[in-house]
Protein backbone atom coordinates (compact mmCIF):
# COMPACT_ATOMS: atom_id res chain seq x y z
CA MET A 1 0.00 0.00 0.00
CA ASN A 2 1.19 3.49 -0.81
CA ALA A 3 -0.87 5.24 1.86
CA PRO A 4 1.20 6.47 4.81
CA THR A 5 0.52 4.73 8.09
CA ALA A 6 1.46 7.75 10.20
CA PHE A 7 1.71 11.50 9.86
CA PRO A 8 4.96 12.54 8.21
CA ASP A 9 7.49 14.59 10.10
CA GLN A 10 6.06 17.99 10.85
CA LYS A 11 7.70 20.83 8.98
CA PRO A 12 8.43 23.87 11.11
CA VAL A 13 5.91 26.72 10.68
CA PRO A 14 5.83 30.21 12.16
CA PRO A 15 3.62 30.92 15.19
CA TYR A 16 -0.02 31.52 14.25
CA LYS A 17 -1.24 35.08 14.51
CA HIS A 18 -5.02 35.30 14.27
CA THR A 19 -6.57 38.25 12.45
CA PRO A 20 -10.36 38.54 12.74
CA LEU A 21 -12.07 38.80 9.39
CA PHE A 22 -14.17 41.68 10.76
CA PRO A 23 -11.99 43.63 13.24
CA LEU A 24 -14.58 46.06 14.55
CA GLY A 25 -13.75 49.08 16.66
CA ALA A 26 -15.36 50.12 19.94
CA ASP A 27 -19.14 49.99 20.32
CA THR A 28 -20.37 53.58 20.67
CA THR A 29 -24.08 52.69 20.62
CA PRO A 30 -26.31 54.54 23.12
CA TYR A 31 -28.17 51.91 25.19
CA LYS A 32 -31.10 51.98 27.59
CA LYS A 33 -31.51 49.47 30.41
CA ILE A 34 -34.51 47.17 30.02
CA THR A 35 -34.18 45.17 33.23
CA THR A 36 -31.72 43.68 35.69
CA GLU A 37 -33.83 40.59 36.29
CA GLY A 38 -32.74 37.23 34.95
CA VAL A 39 -29.05 38.08 35.04
CA ARG A 40 -26.57 37.04 37.73
CA VAL A 41 -22.89 36.22 38.18
CA GLU A 42 -21.74 32.90 39.64
CA LYS A 43 -18.34 31.35 40.29
CA VAL A 44 -17.62 28.31 38.17
CA LEU A 45 -14.25 26.63 38.69
CA GLY A 46 -13.02 29.82 40.29
CA LYS A 47 -14.11 31.98 37.37
CA ASP A 48 -16.89 34.61 37.20
CA MET A 49 -19.58 33.45 34.77
CA LEU A 50 -22.55 35.49 33.57
CA VAL A 51 -25.72 33.42 33.94
CA VAL A 52 -28.57 34.55 31.66
CA SER A 53 -32.10 33.26 32.18
CA ARG A 54 -34.42 32.22 29.38
CA GLU A 55 -36.84 34.98 30.36
CA ALA A 56 -34.15 37.66 29.98
CA LEU A 57 -33.59 36.54 26.39
CA ARG A 58 -37.30 36.42 25.65
CA ALA A 59 -37.96 39.85 27.16
CA LEU A 60 -35.09 41.48 25.27
CA SER A 61 -36.30 40.06 21.98
CA GLU A 62 -39.89 41.18 22.56
CA ALA A 63 -38.76 44.70 23.45
CA ALA A 64 -36.53 44.84 20.38
CA PHE A 65 -39.21 43.89 17.86
CA GLY A 66 -41.67 46.24 19.51
CA ASP A 67 -39.27 49.16 19.29
CA ILE A 68 -38.03 48.67 15.73
CA ASN A 69 -41.53 48.66 14.28
CA HIS A 70 -42.26 52.05 15.85
CA TYR A 71 -39.00 53.96 16.25
CA LEU A 72 -36.03 54.85 14.06
CA ARG A 73 -32.43 55.74 14.74
CA PRO A 74 -31.75 59.48 15.16
CA GLY A 75 -29.20 59.36 12.34
CA HIS A 76 -31.82 58.12 9.86
CA LEU A 77 -34.24 60.88 10.86
CA LYS A 78 -31.52 63.53 10.53
CA GLN A 79 -30.88 62.32 6.99
CA LEU A 80 -34.57 62.72 6.14
CA ARG A 81 -34.59 66.26 7.54
CA SER A 82 -31.44 67.12 5.57
CA ILE A 83 -33.38 66.41 2.34
CA LEU A 84 -35.87 69.13 3.28
CA ASP A 85 -32.98 71.54 3.87
CA ASP A 86 -31.11 70.69 0.66
CA LYS A 87 -31.62 73.28 -2.10
CA GLU A 88 -30.56 70.67 -4.68
CA ALA A 89 -33.28 68.21 -3.67
CA SER A 90 -36.23 67.96 -6.05
CA ASP A 91 -39.76 68.86 -4.99
CA ASN A 92 -40.63 65.16 -5.12
CA ASP A 93 -37.60 64.29 -2.97
CA LYS A 94 -38.83 66.76 -0.37
CA PHE A 95 -42.44 65.62 -0.63
CA VAL A 96 -41.43 62.01 0.06
CA ALA A 97 -39.00 62.92 2.87
CA PHE A 98 -41.64 65.06 4.56
CA ASP A 99 -44.16 62.23 4.31
CA PHE A 100 -41.64 59.87 5.92
CA LEU A 101 -41.09 62.27 8.82
CA LYS A 102 -44.84 62.57 9.38
CA ASN A 103 -45.08 58.78 9.20
CA ALA A 104 -42.31 58.39 11.79
CA ASN A 105 -44.10 60.78 14.11
CA ILE A 106 -47.34 58.75 13.89
CA ALA A 107 -45.54 55.42 14.35
CA ALA A 108 -43.75 56.75 17.45
CA GLY A 109 -47.14 56.86 19.16
CA GLY A 110 -46.68 53.11 19.60
CA VAL A 111 -50.00 52.08 17.99
CA LEU A 112 -49.51 52.00 14.21
CA PRO A 113 -46.24 50.46 12.95
CA MET A 114 -44.24 52.55 10.48
CA CYS A 115 -44.80 50.03 7.66
CA GLN A 116 -47.57 47.51 7.02
CA ASP A 117 -44.93 44.88 6.16
CA THR A 118 -43.66 44.41 9.68
CA GLY A 119 -41.02 42.04 8.43
CA THR A 120 -39.31 38.75 8.98
CA ALA A 121 -37.81 38.56 12.46
CA ILE A 122 -34.03 38.17 12.15
CA ILE A 123 -31.83 37.75 15.22
CA MET A 124 -28.05 37.50 15.43
CA GLY A 125 -26.42 36.77 18.78
CA LYS A 126 -22.76 36.68 19.81
CA LYS A 127 -22.34 34.74 23.02
CA GLY A 128 -19.23 35.29 25.09
CA CYS A 129 -17.23 32.34 26.41
CA ASN A 130 -18.05 33.34 30.00
CA VAL A 131 -21.83 33.38 29.44
CA ILE A 132 -24.06 30.50 30.54
CA SER A 133 -27.66 29.94 29.49
CA ASP A 134 -29.94 26.91 29.52
CA GLY A 135 -29.10 26.15 25.88
CA ASP A 136 -32.58 26.96 24.59
CA ASP A 137 -31.53 30.41 23.38
CA GLU A 138 -32.96 30.22 19.86
CA ALA A 139 -36.37 29.23 21.19
CA ALA A 140 -36.36 31.95 23.85
CA LEU A 141 -35.39 34.68 21.39
CA SER A 142 -37.95 33.45 18.85
CA GLU A 143 -40.65 33.37 21.51
CA GLY A 144 -39.93 36.99 22.35
CA ALA A 145 -40.23 37.98 18.70
CA ARG A 146 -43.49 36.03 18.40
CA ASP A 147 -44.89 37.74 21.50
CA ALA A 148 -44.18 41.17 20.02
CA TYR A 149 -46.09 40.26 16.85
CA LEU A 150 -49.00 38.76 18.79
CA ARG A 151 -49.33 41.62 21.28
CA ARG A 152 -48.83 44.57 18.95
CA ASN A 153 -50.56 45.70 15.77
CA LEU A 154 -48.06 43.91 13.55
CA ARG A 155 -48.65 41.82 10.47
CA TYR A 156 -48.07 38.08 10.14
CA SER A 157 -46.14 37.73 6.88
CA GLN A 158 -44.66 34.24 7.14
CA VAL A 159 -46.21 31.39 5.16
CA ALA A 160 -45.44 27.73 5.81
CA PRO A 161 -45.20 25.28 2.88
CA LEU A 162 -47.67 22.45 3.32
CA SER A 163 -46.54 21.00 0.00
CA MET A 164 -44.51 22.31 -2.90
CA TYR A 165 -47.41 24.51 -4.05
CA GLU A 166 -49.74 24.85 -1.07
CA GLU A 167 -48.97 27.31 1.72
CA LYS A 168 -50.60 28.61 4.87
CA ASN A 169 -49.92 31.72 6.93
CA THR A 170 -48.43 30.73 10.30
CA ALA A 171 -50.57 33.39 12.06
CA ASN A 172 -47.78 34.45 14.43
CA ASN A 173 -45.01 35.62 12.05
CA MET A 174 -42.88 32.63 12.94
CA PRO A 175 -40.42 31.17 12.20
CA ALA A 176 -37.75 33.70 13.03
CA GLN A 177 -34.27 33.51 11.54
CA CYS A 178 -31.95 33.12 14.51
CA GLU A 179 -28.17 32.71 14.36
CA ILE A 180 -25.95 32.49 17.43
CA TYR A 181 -22.16 32.70 17.33
CA ALA A 182 -19.45 32.16 19.96
CA GLU A 183 -17.55 35.42 20.30
CA GLY A 184 -16.22 37.61 23.10
CA ASP A 185 -15.86 37.12 26.82
CA ASP A 186 -18.42 38.17 29.42
CA ALA A 187 -21.28 39.67 27.38
CA TYR A 188 -24.06 38.42 25.14
CA LYS A 189 -24.52 40.83 22.21
CA PHE A 190 -27.33 40.98 19.66
CA MET A 191 -28.61 42.57 16.51
CA PHE A 192 -32.37 42.41 15.89
CA MET A 193 -33.77 43.18 12.44
CA ALA A 194 -37.29 43.27 10.99
CA LYS A 195 -36.70 42.78 7.27
CA GLY A 196 -39.60 43.55 4.96
CA GLY A 197 -40.12 41.66 1.73
CA GLY A 198 -39.55 44.70 -0.47
CA SER A 199 -36.02 45.40 0.70
CA ALA A 200 -35.18 41.70 1.15
CA ASN A 201 -36.06 41.15 -2.51
CA LYS A 202 -33.47 43.75 -3.48
CA SER A 203 -30.58 41.54 -2.36
CA PHE A 204 -28.41 40.44 -5.26
CA LEU A 205 -25.35 38.23 -5.69
CA PHE A 206 -23.27 38.57 -8.84
CA GLN A 207 -20.56 36.02 -9.53
CA ALA A 208 -18.13 38.32 -11.31
CA THR A 209 -14.62 37.56 -12.54
CA PRO A 210 -11.37 39.07 -11.25
CA SER A 211 -11.07 40.99 -14.53
CA VAL A 212 -13.64 43.45 -13.10
CA LEU A 213 -11.12 44.62 -10.48
CA THR A 214 -10.06 47.87 -12.08
CA LYS A 215 -11.57 51.19 -11.04
CA ASP A 216 -13.33 52.05 -14.29
CA ARG A 217 -14.62 48.52 -14.89
CA LEU A 218 -15.86 48.10 -11.33
CA LEU A 219 -17.67 51.46 -11.25
CA ALA A 220 -19.32 50.74 -14.60
CA PHE A 221 -20.37 47.29 -13.36
CA LEU A 222 -21.83 48.72 -10.16
CA LYS A 223 -23.71 51.53 -11.92
CA GLU A 224 -25.53 49.01 -14.09
CA LYS A 225 -26.40 46.82 -11.10
CA VAL A 226 -27.48 49.68 -8.84
CA LEU A 227 -30.06 50.73 -11.43
CA THR A 228 -31.64 47.28 -11.19
CA LEU A 229 -32.63 48.08 -7.60
CA GLY A 230 -35.44 50.29 -8.86
CA THR A 231 -37.75 52.07 -6.43
CA ALA A 232 -39.92 49.19 -5.25
CA ALA A 233 -38.19 48.90 -1.87
CA CYS A 234 -38.98 52.46 -0.73
CA PRO A 235 -35.94 54.67 -1.26
CA PRO A 236 -34.01 56.66 -0.15
CA TYR A 237 -31.91 53.59 0.56
CA HIS A 238 -29.02 52.74 2.81
CA LEU A 239 -27.07 50.97 0.06
CA ALA A 240 -24.54 48.24 0.86
CA ILE A 241 -22.02 46.81 -1.63
CA VAL A 242 -19.59 44.00 -0.81
CA ILE A 243 -16.68 43.19 -3.10
CA GLY A 244 -15.23 39.73 -2.47
CA GLY A 245 -15.85 37.18 0.23
CA THR A 246 -14.59 33.74 1.17
CA SER A 247 -17.94 32.35 0.01
CA ALA A 248 -21.09 33.54 -1.70
CA GLU A 249 -23.10 33.22 1.49
CA LEU A 250 -20.62 35.25 3.56
CA CYS A 251 -20.64 37.95 0.89
CA MET A 252 -24.41 38.27 1.19
CA LYS A 253 -24.38 38.06 4.98
CA THR A 254 -21.95 40.97 4.97
CA VAL A 255 -24.27 42.93 2.67
CA LYS A 256 -27.08 42.62 5.22
CA LEU A 257 -24.89 43.66 8.13
CA ALA A 258 -23.40 46.57 6.21
CA SER A 259 -26.85 47.84 5.20
CA ALA A 260 -27.69 48.00 8.92
CA ARG A 261 -24.45 49.96 9.57
CA TYR A 262 -23.36 47.11 11.82
CA LEU A 263 -19.90 47.12 10.20
CA ASP A 264 -19.27 50.87 10.31
CA ALA A 265 -16.39 50.45 12.76
CA LEU A 266 -14.32 48.31 10.37
CA PRO A 267 -10.85 49.60 9.49
CA THR A 268 -10.62 51.76 6.39
CA HIS A 269 -7.68 49.94 4.83
CA GLY A 270 -6.73 46.37 4.10
CA SER A 271 -3.72 44.32 5.07
CA ALA A 272 -1.79 41.23 4.01
CA ASP A 273 -3.62 39.38 6.82
CA GLY A 274 -6.89 39.51 4.85
CA ASN A 275 -9.21 41.61 7.03
CA ALA A 276 -12.36 43.17 5.62
CA PHE A 277 -12.35 46.95 5.37
CA ARG A 278 -14.47 49.91 4.31
CA ASP A 279 -13.48 51.84 1.20
CA LEU A 280 -14.58 55.36 2.14
CA GLU A 281 -13.46 56.88 -1.15
CA MET A 282 -15.54 54.46 -3.19
CA GLU A 283 -18.50 55.01 -0.87
CA GLN A 284 -18.50 58.69 -1.84
CA GLU A 285 -18.04 57.91 -5.53
CA ILE A 286 -20.98 55.51 -5.53
CA LEU A 287 -23.13 57.98 -3.58
CA LYS A 288 -22.44 60.72 -6.15
CA MET A 289 -23.24 58.26 -8.90
CA THR A 290 -26.62 57.42 -7.32
CA GLN A 291 -27.39 61.14 -7.05
CA SER A 292 -26.69 61.59 -10.76
CA LEU A 293 -29.10 58.83 -11.83
CA GLY A 294 -32.14 61.08 -11.43
CA VAL A 295 -34.21 58.37 -9.74
CA GLY A 296 -34.44 60.23 -6.44
CA ALA A 297 -36.67 59.34 -3.54
CA GLN A 298 -39.14 57.25 -5.60
CA PHE A 299 -40.36 59.91 -8.06
CA GLY A 300 -37.28 61.60 -9.49
CA GLY A 301 -34.53 63.70 -8.00
CA LYS A 302 -31.26 63.38 -6.11
CA TYR A 303 -31.97 61.15 -3.11
CA PHE A 304 -32.02 57.58 -4.38
CA CYS A 305 -29.73 56.78 -1.42
CA HIS A 306 -29.11 58.31 1.97
CA ASP A 307 -25.65 56.78 2.11
CA VAL A 308 -23.49 53.96 0.80
CA ARG A 309 -21.32 51.34 2.49
CA VAL A 310 -18.66 49.58 0.44
CA ILE A 311 -16.93 46.62 2.10
CA ARG A 312 -13.90 44.95 0.49
CA MET A 313 -13.23 41.36 1.55
CA PRO A 314 -10.66 38.64 0.85
CA ARG A 315 -11.60 36.09 -1.79
CA HIS A 316 -10.53 32.87 -3.47
CA GLY A 317 -8.24 33.76 -6.36
CA ALA A 318 -10.66 32.26 -8.89
CA SER A 319 -13.80 33.92 -7.49
CA LEU A 320 -15.17 37.42 -7.17
CA PRO A 321 -18.59 37.47 -5.52
CA ILE A 322 -20.16 40.93 -5.50
CA GLY A 323 -23.14 41.54 -3.25
CA LEU A 324 -25.68 44.34 -3.37
CA GLY A 325 -28.50 45.13 -0.94
CA VAL A 326 -30.40 47.88 0.82
CA SER A 327 -32.07 48.89 4.02
CA CYS A 328 -35.21 50.77 3.05
CA SER A 329 -37.06 53.67 4.60
CA ALA A 330 -38.43 51.26 7.20
CA ASP A 331 -34.87 51.12 8.52
CA ARG A 332 -35.55 48.60 11.27
CA GLN A 333 -32.69 47.23 13.27
CA VAL A 334 -31.55 47.63 16.85
CA LEU A 335 -28.62 46.39 18.92
CA GLY A 336 -28.94 44.74 22.31
CA LYS A 337 -26.65 43.30 24.95
CA ILE A 338 -26.73 41.46 28.23
CA THR A 339 -23.95 42.12 30.72
CA ARG A 340 -23.51 41.61 34.45
CA ASP A 341 -25.21 44.98 34.91
CA GLY A 342 -28.43 44.04 33.16
CA VAL A 343 -30.28 43.76 29.87
CA TYR A 344 -29.84 46.65 27.42
CA LEU A 345 -31.38 47.78 24.14
CA GLU A 346 -30.20 50.46 21.76
CA GLU A 347 -31.89 53.81 22.40
CA LEU A 348 -33.95 54.79 19.35
CA GLU A 349 -35.59 58.16 18.77
CA HIS A 350 -38.90 58.49 20.61
CA ASN A 351 -39.45 62.13 19.60
CA PRO A 352 -39.18 62.29 15.80
CA ALA A 353 -41.37 65.41 15.78
CA GLN A 354 -38.24 67.45 16.45
CA TYR A 355 -37.11 66.74 12.88
CA LEU A 356 -40.29 68.13 11.28
CA PRO A 357 -40.13 71.68 9.93
CA ALA A 358 -41.89 74.28 12.08
CA VAL A 359 -44.39 75.03 9.32
CA GLU A 360 -45.53 72.45 6.79
CA GLN A 361 -44.00 73.29 3.43
CA ALA A 362 -45.88 73.19 0.13
CA LEU A 363 -44.12 70.23 -1.41
CA GLY A 364 -44.71 68.23 -4.56
CA GLY A 365 -46.36 70.83 -6.81
CA GLU A 366 -50.03 71.17 -7.78
CA VAL A 367 -52.47 68.40 -6.91
CA VAL A 368 -55.22 66.97 -9.13
CA ARG A 369 -58.19 65.55 -7.22
CA ILE A 370 -59.76 62.33 -8.53
CA ASP A 371 -63.17 60.99 -7.43
CA LEU A 372 -62.88 57.20 -7.31
CA ASP A 373 -66.61 56.67 -6.83
CA GLN A 374 -67.49 57.75 -10.36
CA PRO A 375 -67.78 55.10 -13.10
CA MET A 376 -64.50 53.56 -14.21
CA GLN A 377 -64.73 55.11 -17.68
CA ASP A 378 -65.00 58.55 -16.08
CA ILE A 379 -61.99 57.85 -13.83
CA LEU A 380 -59.97 56.83 -16.89
CA ALA A 381 -61.10 59.93 -18.79
CA ALA A 382 -60.09 62.17 -15.90
CA LEU A 383 -56.63 60.59 -15.63
CA SER A 384 -56.14 60.76 -19.40
CA LYS A 385 -56.19 64.57 -19.27
CA HIS A 386 -52.92 64.70 -17.31
CA PRO A 387 -49.30 63.78 -18.06
CA ILE A 388 -47.12 61.34 -16.17
CA LYS A 389 -45.57 62.76 -12.97
CA THR A 390 -48.87 64.50 -12.11
CA ARG A 391 -49.50 64.45 -8.38
CA LEU A 392 -52.96 63.17 -7.45
CA SER A 393 -55.23 63.18 -4.44
CA LEU A 394 -57.56 60.17 -4.52
CA SER A 395 -60.87 59.92 -2.65
CA GLY A 396 -63.43 57.15 -2.80
CA THR A 397 -63.46 53.36 -3.03
CA MET A 398 -60.54 51.09 -3.88
CA ILE A 399 -60.20 47.30 -3.98
CA VAL A 400 -57.13 45.83 -2.30
CA ALA A 401 -55.58 42.68 -3.76
CA ARG A 402 -52.07 41.27 -4.03
CA ASP A 403 -50.25 38.06 -4.97
CA SER A 404 -52.49 35.29 -3.62
CA ALA A 405 -55.72 37.06 -4.53
CA HIS A 406 -54.45 37.72 -8.06
CA ALA A 407 -53.62 34.03 -8.44
CA LYS A 408 -57.15 33.04 -7.40
CA LEU A 409 -58.75 35.50 -9.83
CA ARG A 410 -56.52 34.22 -12.63
CA GLU A 411 -57.82 30.71 -11.90
CA ARG A 412 -61.35 32.02 -12.49
CA LEU A 413 -60.40 33.44 -15.88
CA GLU A 414 -58.65 30.24 -16.89
CA GLN A 415 -61.80 28.29 -15.98
CA GLY A 416 -63.88 30.51 -18.27
CA GLU A 417 -65.41 32.64 -15.53
CA PRO A 418 -65.43 36.48 -15.66
CA LEU A 419 -63.67 38.76 -13.22
CA PRO A 420 -65.94 39.95 -10.40
CA ASP A 421 -67.57 43.36 -10.95
CA TYR A 422 -65.72 44.92 -8.02
CA PHE A 423 -62.45 44.23 -9.82
CA LYS A 424 -63.70 46.06 -12.90
CA ASN A 425 -65.45 49.00 -11.26
CA HIS A 426 -62.75 50.21 -8.88
CA PRO A 427 -59.00 50.93 -8.88
CA ILE A 428 -56.88 48.06 -7.55
CA TYR A 429 -54.50 48.83 -4.69
CA TYR A 430 -51.68 46.32 -4.22
CA ALA A 431 -51.32 46.07 -0.44
CA GLY A 432 -51.75 43.91 2.64
CA PRO A 433 -52.71 45.55 5.96
CA ALA A 434 -51.26 45.17 9.40
CA LYS A 435 -53.70 44.51 12.26
CA THR A 436 -56.29 47.21 12.92
CA PRO A 437 -55.86 48.74 16.40
CA GLU A 438 -58.93 49.20 18.55
CA GLY A 439 -60.64 52.47 17.74
CA TYR A 440 -58.96 52.81 14.32
CA ALA A 441 -60.48 52.36 10.88
CA SER A 442 -57.33 50.69 9.59
CA GLY A 443 -53.99 49.29 10.56
CA ALA A 444 -50.79 50.37 8.81
CA PHE A 445 -51.65 49.95 5.15
CA GLY A 446 -49.02 51.08 2.66
CA PRO A 447 -48.46 49.87 -0.91
CA THR A 448 -46.60 46.70 -1.78
CA THR A 449 -44.20 46.12 -4.68
CA ALA A 450 -46.05 46.46 -7.98
CA GLY A 451 -43.65 44.31 -9.98
CA ARG A 452 -44.88 41.09 -8.38
CA MET A 453 -48.22 41.56 -10.15
CA ASP A 454 -46.78 42.46 -13.58
CA SER A 455 -47.59 39.09 -15.16
CA PHE A 456 -51.31 39.48 -14.40
CA VAL A 457 -51.91 42.91 -15.94
CA ASP A 458 -52.45 42.20 -19.63
CA GLN A 459 -54.77 39.24 -18.95
CA PHE A 460 -56.79 41.16 -16.34
CA GLN A 461 -57.10 44.36 -18.39
CA ALA A 462 -58.23 42.33 -21.40
CA ALA A 463 -61.01 41.01 -19.15
CA GLY A 464 -61.95 44.53 -18.00
CA GLY A 465 -60.14 44.57 -14.63
CA SER A 466 -57.06 46.30 -13.19
CA MET A 467 -57.70 49.34 -15.35
CA VAL A 468 -56.28 51.61 -12.66
CA MET A 469 -53.58 50.11 -10.45
CA LEU A 470 -51.96 51.69 -7.40
CA ALA A 471 -48.76 50.45 -5.75
CA LYS A 472 -45.07 51.34 -5.36
CA GLY A 473 -42.04 50.94 -7.58
CA ASN A 474 -41.22 50.56 -11.25
CA ARG A 475 -42.82 47.97 -13.53
CA ALA A 476 -41.91 45.76 -16.47
CA PRO A 477 -42.30 46.97 -20.08
CA ALA A 478 -45.21 44.51 -20.47
CA VAL A 479 -47.30 46.65 -18.09
CA ARG A 480 -46.59 49.76 -20.13
CA GLU A 481 -47.67 47.94 -23.30
CA ALA A 482 -50.82 46.58 -21.64
CA CYS A 483 -51.88 50.03 -20.45
CA LYS A 484 -51.34 51.45 -23.93
CA LYS A 485 -53.32 48.60 -25.53
CA HIS A 486 -56.23 48.55 -23.06
CA GLY A 487 -56.33 52.19 -21.92
CA GLY A 488 -55.17 51.56 -18.35
CA PHE A 489 -53.10 53.49 -15.80
CA TYR A 490 -50.53 52.68 -13.13
CA LEU A 491 -50.37 55.13 -10.23
CA GLY A 492 -47.47 55.20 -7.79
CA SER A 493 -47.96 55.75 -4.09
CA ILE A 494 -45.30 56.58 -1.53
CA GLY A 495 -43.79 53.38 -0.20
CA GLY A 496 -42.79 53.45 3.45
CA ALA A 497 -45.47 55.76 4.86
CA ALA A 498 -48.07 53.18 5.92
CA ALA A 499 -48.82 54.69 9.34
CA ASN A 500 -49.50 58.09 7.81
CA LEU A 501 -51.90 56.57 5.26
CA ALA A 502 -53.77 54.67 7.98
CA GLU A 503 -54.00 57.70 10.26
CA HIS A 504 -55.11 60.27 7.69
CA CYS A 505 -56.30 58.68 4.45
CA ILE A 506 -57.99 55.29 4.99
CA LYS A 507 -61.43 55.67 6.54
CA LYS A 508 -62.99 52.21 6.20
CA VAL A 509 -61.73 48.66 5.59
CA GLU A 510 -63.81 45.53 5.00
CA VAL A 511 -63.13 42.07 3.60
CA VAL A 512 -64.71 41.37 0.20
CA GLU A 513 -63.50 37.84 -0.56
CA TYR A 514 -61.02 35.13 0.47
CA PRO A 515 -60.81 35.94 4.21
CA GLU A 516 -58.85 32.71 4.70
CA LEU A 517 -55.87 34.44 3.05
CA GLY A 518 -55.40 36.69 6.07
CA MET A 519 -53.67 39.93 5.11
CA GLU A 520 -53.72 38.74 1.46
CA ALA A 521 -57.54 38.67 1.32
CA ILE A 522 -59.40 40.97 -1.06
CA TRP A 523 -60.48 44.13 0.79
CA ARG A 524 -62.63 47.16 0.02
CA ILE A 525 -61.32 50.42 1.44
CA GLU A 526 -62.59 53.99 1.45
CA VAL A 527 -59.93 56.67 1.22
CA VAL A 528 -59.75 60.46 1.43
CA ASP A 529 -56.92 62.55 -0.05
CA PHE A 530 -54.81 59.46 -0.73
CA PRO A 531 -51.55 60.71 -2.37
CA ALA A 532 -50.36 59.24 -5.66
CA PHE A 533 -48.58 60.09 -8.92
CA ILE A 534 -49.34 59.08 -12.52
CA ILE A 535 -46.50 56.71 -13.44
CA ILE A 536 -47.79 54.88 -16.56
CA ASP A 537 -50.58 56.33 -18.69
CA ASP A 538 -52.89 55.07 -21.41
CA LYS A 539 -50.64 56.45 -24.15
CA GLY A 540 -47.62 54.28 -23.32
CA ASN A 541 -45.70 56.91 -21.35
CA ASP A 542 -43.76 55.57 -18.37
CA PHE A 543 -42.08 57.84 -15.85
CA PHE A 544 -39.62 55.16 -14.82
CA LYS A 545 -38.62 54.43 -18.41
CA GLU A 546 -37.20 57.96 -18.52
CA LEU A 547 -34.99 56.96 -15.59
CA ASN A 548 -33.87 53.72 -17.28
CA LEU A 549 -35.91 51.68 -14.79
CA GLY A 550 -38.73 50.69 -17.13
């Protein structure tokens, strides 16, 4: 046999010097103390050990997911206010930013969440070597997240696969995504994130080649890919770009952390040891590039992005993964920690009203009022008088339907049945509400991503439905062609201002059909002064095509 029977003589090697892949600086996060209960220090083999109870983990998680659906970081709010103060910002930039600040102020009341898509619960923990728990940490943290969704006016967005094609809403927003790492000494540190579907869907991995690694080629590559983000995830964005990575999955994990500014304290230069670092110069170049695109804060302008993070990572010599992702205007993440002194959660801003201007500004230009309770042909005739980009104020009845409801209506057409009259007689709003608080007409109820319904439009309009559609984000060319052929319209609403819409615009909500679909049922709503813009008209004009997004 040629196989060795023992290890060969060991060749001498230098002493190992470990370099963390992510060497973060000091944590400067402002924290508030949640409780001191459930935390104690005990001697184990002569060593102080931090003992953390299951209840402390559960309570921290519940507090975190309650806070991040109602409050934002002060830095994010300052960035919104800076748009109002920027003379270079477009009127539409300012109109959207002002709406977001009003929305934040309503959400901070603790009743209506800032966005109707209250997200997937994502938890990352880093458990120090001197921390002891009962080992059921994932369950405890998940239970806390579940309790927040059950006890507050939050939406259940998670669907469980019963088979390959049949699904059912879990009715508690579980499961959570929970990852726990061994890192540090005598503290248990966390990041909690509520990730909505719109921004999660704007996470992209590109398997590039090392030939891209020149300045001009890389910037050209990134400009093309950044445009693919579109506006469906509620800009202005916190944009994260990761160049490299020891694996595709680590590249994308880093994108998510960078979008949450979790990696801001990385060094700003690389080394032969292979640490990740931030490229501050490229961050500014990419930010200027996004400002020059003209996309702006959803409806044209400068503020496609608040800021940009660019992380450079080591890679296999034959691979160059490039990751791209965003945190949207529902910028929901919070840090937590458990130490010997108690349980702590990052202090978010509870008084966003301080960022509102003293007097409401006239933003967004002239407004055209549209009565939605007139016959559909009259609604279409009224819209046809105005060009794309026209700002609208909608009042009357709308039908709410999204993915699952569209699929059920398509089944009717394919079985030779007509669309129901309500789908022909009223505009269709793509949305799914959060729970309605007691004493309110509606829960948080903002628009969902229009692009998910693109494949239905031509078929539905040919059958007399979906003649006026209302949602957020850019759409495929097929929608533009369908509207031109059938005389339809697509109206864009402000994504990310769901609390404001529920508080001021939506006056009545009732289920029309398919109540078993939960938030994806078909609803009838009555609205007053609901803001929107004409995006695609009946002549084939498309606002987003002008911005290279159509």
